[in-house]
């Protein structure tokens, strides 16, 4: 029951839902790609990702100087994401850090 409550809290913020949806669509992203694509500040995105990491909704890996984020394994989250496929497709295109 507690996992469902934690997930509901995470999904109660539209920016966190957008971040999760981007990660679902793109599979792996760094913070700068999320910030630039959603036009959100780096501190805000990092704070949201920290909350999601603490609840194990996202996982990280190091790639050179970058920390790469991806979704963790959460059946309930994937059921939710499956229901918003059309909205996920309409998210902005990724702005790559490599183009900076």
C-alpha atoms as a PDB file:
ATOM      1  CA  UNK A   1       0.000   0.000   0.000  1.00  0.00           C
ATOM      2  CA  UNK A   2       2.843   2.401   0.849  1.00  0.00           C
ATOM      3  CA  UNK A   3       4.361   2.072  -2.651  1.00  0.00           C
ATOM      4  CA  UNK A   4       1.061   3.139  -4.200  1.00  0.00           C
ATOM      5  CA  UNK A   5       0.872   6.176  -1.917  1.00  0.00           C
ATOM      6  CA  UNK A   6       4.458   7.160  -2.817  1.00  0.00           C
ATOM      7  CA  UNK A   7       3.671   6.805  -6.519  1.00  0.00           C
ATOM      8  CA  UNK A   8       0.528   8.923  -6.140  1.00  0.00           C
ATOM      9  CA  UNK A   9       2.589  11.670  -4.479  1.00  0.00           C
ATOM     10  CA  UNK A  10       5.128  11.614  -7.310  1.00  0.00           C
ATOM     11  CA  UNK A  11       2.376  11.730  -9.947  1.00  0.00           C
ATOM     12  CA  UNK A  12       0.654  14.653  -8.211  1.00  0.00           C
ATOM     13  CA  UNK A  13       3.076  17.130  -9.838  1.00  0.00           C
ATOM     14  CA  UNK A  14       2.751  17.821 -13.575  1.00  0.00           C
ATOM     15  CA  UNK A  15       6.489  18.478 -14.012  1.00  0.00           C
ATOM     16  CA  UNK A  16       7.343  15.104 -12.484  1.00  0.00           C
ATOM     17  CA  UNK A  17       4.791  13.411 -14.762  1.00  0.00           C
ATOM     18  CA  UNK A  18       6.399  15.110 -17.780  1.00  0.00           C
ATOM     19  CA  UNK A  19       9.863  14.000 -16.670  1.00  0.00           C
ATOM     20  CA  UNK A  20       8.657  10.426 -16.208  1.00  0.00           C
ATOM     21  CA  UNK A  21       6.918  10.502 -19.593  1.00  0.00           C
ATOM     22  CA  UNK A  22      10.098  11.750 -21.297  1.00  0.00           C
ATOM     23  CA  UNK A  23      12.130   9.002 -19.658  1.00  0.00           C
ATOM     24  CA  UNK A  24       9.539   6.460 -20.760  1.00  0.00           C
ATOM     25  CA  UNK A  25       9.668   7.689 -24.360  1.00  0.00           C
ATOM     26  CA  UNK A  26      13.433   8.229 -24.637  1.00  0.00           C
ATOM     27  CA  UNK A  27      14.587   5.429 -22.279  1.00  0.00           C
ATOM     28  CA  UNK A  28      17.656   7.373 -20.991  1.00  0.00           C
ATOM     29  CA  UNK A  29      18.291  11.100 -20.484  1.00  0.00           C
ATOM     30  CA  UNK A  30      20.692  13.365 -18.646  1.00  0.00           C
ATOM     31  CA  UNK A  31      19.490  16.301 -16.536  1.00  0.00           C
ATOM     32  CA  UNK A  32      20.408  18.915 -19.142  1.00  0.00           C
ATOM     33  CA  UNK A  33      18.292  17.175 -21.804  1.00  0.00           C
ATOM     34  CA  UNK A  34      15.292  17.166 -19.469  1.00  0.00           C
ATOM     35  CA  UNK A  35      15.850  20.812 -18.481  1.00  0.00           C
ATOM     36  CA  UNK A  36      16.253  22.066 -22.039  1.00  0.00           C
ATOM     37  CA  UNK A  37      13.386  20.015 -23.463  1.00  0.00           C
ATOM     38  CA  UNK A  38      10.835  20.914 -20.778  1.00  0.00           C
ATOM     39  CA  UNK A  39      12.243  24.427 -20.244  1.00  0.00           C
ATOM     40  CA  UNK A  40      12.663  23.842 -16.509  1.00  0.00           C
ATOM     41  CA  UNK A  41      15.513  24.971 -14.271  1.00  0.00           C
ATOM     42  CA  UNK A  42      18.287  22.531 -13.398  1.00  0.00           C
ATOM     43  CA  UNK A  43      17.700  22.808  -9.609  1.00  0.00           C
ATOM     44  CA  UNK A  44      13.998  22.031 -10.062  1.00  0.00           C
ATOM     45  CA  UNK A  45      14.623  19.014 -12.299  1.00  0.00           C
ATOM     46  CA  UNK A  46      17.352  17.716  -9.979  1.00  0.00           C
ATOM     47  CA  UNK A  47      15.024  18.004  -6.976  1.00  0.00           C
ATOM     48  CA  UNK A  48      12.272  16.093  -8.804  1.00  0.00           C
ATOM     49  CA  UNK A  49      14.730  13.403  -9.913  1.00  0.00           C
ATOM     50  CA  UNK A  50      16.015  13.065  -6.345  1.00  0.00           C
ATOM     51  CA  UNK A  51      12.466  12.423  -5.112  1.00  0.00           C
ATOM     52  CA  UNK A  52      11.923   9.857  -7.839  1.00  0.00           C
ATOM     53  CA  UNK A  53      15.274   8.186  -7.109  1.00  0.00           C
ATOM     54  CA  UNK A  54      14.370   7.898  -3.421  1.00  0.00           C
ATOM     55  CA  UNK A  55      11.178   6.044  -4.324  1.00  0.00           C
ATOM     56  CA  UNK A  56      13.085   3.924  -6.863  1.00  0.00           C
ATOM     57  CA  UNK A  57      10.995   5.188  -9.797  1.00  0.00           C
ATOM     58  CA  UNK A  58      14.177   6.217 -11.584  1.00  0.00           C
ATOM     59  CA  UNK A  59      17.649   4.743 -11.610  1.00  0.00           C
ATOM     60  CA  UNK A  60      20.978   6.256 -12.564  1.00  0.00           C
ATOM     61  CA  UNK A  61      24.225   5.303 -14.211  1.00  0.00           C
ATOM     62  CA  UNK A  62      27.430   7.241 -14.740  1.00  0.00           C
ATOM     63  CA  UNK A  63      28.510   7.953 -18.324  1.00  0.00           C
ATOM     64  CA  UNK A  64      31.710   9.982 -18.272  1.00  0.00           C
ATOM     65  CA  UNK A  65      30.872  13.243 -16.526  1.00  0.00           C
ATOM     66  CA  UNK A  66      27.119  12.746 -17.031  1.00  0.00           C
ATOM     67  CA  UNK A  67      24.587  10.996 -14.819  1.00  0.00           C
ATOM     68  CA  UNK A  68      22.070   9.220 -17.016  1.00  0.00           C
ATOM     69  CA  UNK A  69      18.530   8.665 -15.737  1.00  0.00           C
ATOM     70  CA  UNK A  70      16.107   5.918 -16.721  1.00  0.00           C
ATOM     71  CA  UNK A  71      12.893   4.508 -15.302  1.00  0.00           C
ATOM     72  CA  UNK A  72      13.066   1.750 -12.741  1.00  0.00           C
ATOM     73  CA  UNK A  73      10.895  -1.345 -12.812  1.00  0.00           C
ATOM     74  CA  UNK A  74       7.476  -0.400 -11.477  1.00  0.00           C
ATOM     75  CA  UNK A  75       4.429  -2.218 -12.873  1.00  0.00           C
ATOM     76  CA  UNK A  76       1.958   0.349 -11.577  1.00  0.00           C
ATOM     77  CA  UNK A  77       3.896   3.208 -13.162  1.00  0.00           C
ATOM     78  CA  UNK A  78       4.028   1.428 -16.523  1.00  0.00           C
ATOM     79  CA  UNK A  79       0.251   0.850 -16.410  1.00  0.00           C
ATOM     80  CA  UNK A  80      -0.216   4.583 -15.864  1.00  0.00           C
ATOM     81  CA  UNK A  81       2.169   5.441 -18.703  1.00  0.00           C
ATOM     82  CA  UNK A  82       0.394   3.067 -21.058  1.00  0.00           C
ATOM     83  CA  UNK A  83      -2.824   5.046 -20.515  1.00  0.00           C
ATOM     84  CA  UNK A  84      -1.242   8.379 -21.508  1.00  0.00           C
ATOM     85  CA  UNK A  85       0.526   7.232 -24.710  1.00  0.00           C
ATOM     86  CA  UNK A  86      -1.005  10.033 -26.801  1.00  0.00           C
ATOM     87  CA  UNK A  87       0.168  12.718 -24.363  1.00  0.00           C
ATOM     88  CA  UNK A  88       3.660  11.209 -24.302  1.00  0.00           C
ATOM     89  CA  UNK A  89       3.853  11.359 -28.093  1.00  0.00           C
ATOM     90  CA  UNK A  90       3.000  15.078 -27.966  1.00  0.00           C
ATOM     91  CA  UNK A  91       5.856  16.011 -25.621  1.00  0.00           C
ATOM     92  CA  UNK A  92       8.560  18.254 -27.154  1.00  0.00           C
ATOM     93  CA  UNK A  93      11.458  16.702 -29.055  1.00  0.00           C
ATOM     94  CA  UNK A  94      14.594  16.102 -26.989  1.00  0.00           C
ATOM     95  CA  UNK A  95      17.233  18.827 -27.056  1.00  0.00           C
ATOM     96  CA  UNK A  96      20.518  16.975 -26.813  1.00  0.00           C
ATOM     97  CA  UNK A  97      23.350  18.152 -24.581  1.00  0.00           C
ATOM     98  CA  UNK A  98      25.752  17.181 -27.342  1.00  0.00           C
ATOM     99  CA  UNK A  99      24.472  20.059 -29.500  1.00  0.00           C
ATOM    100  CA  UNK A 100      25.591  22.696 -26.997  1.00  0.00           C
END
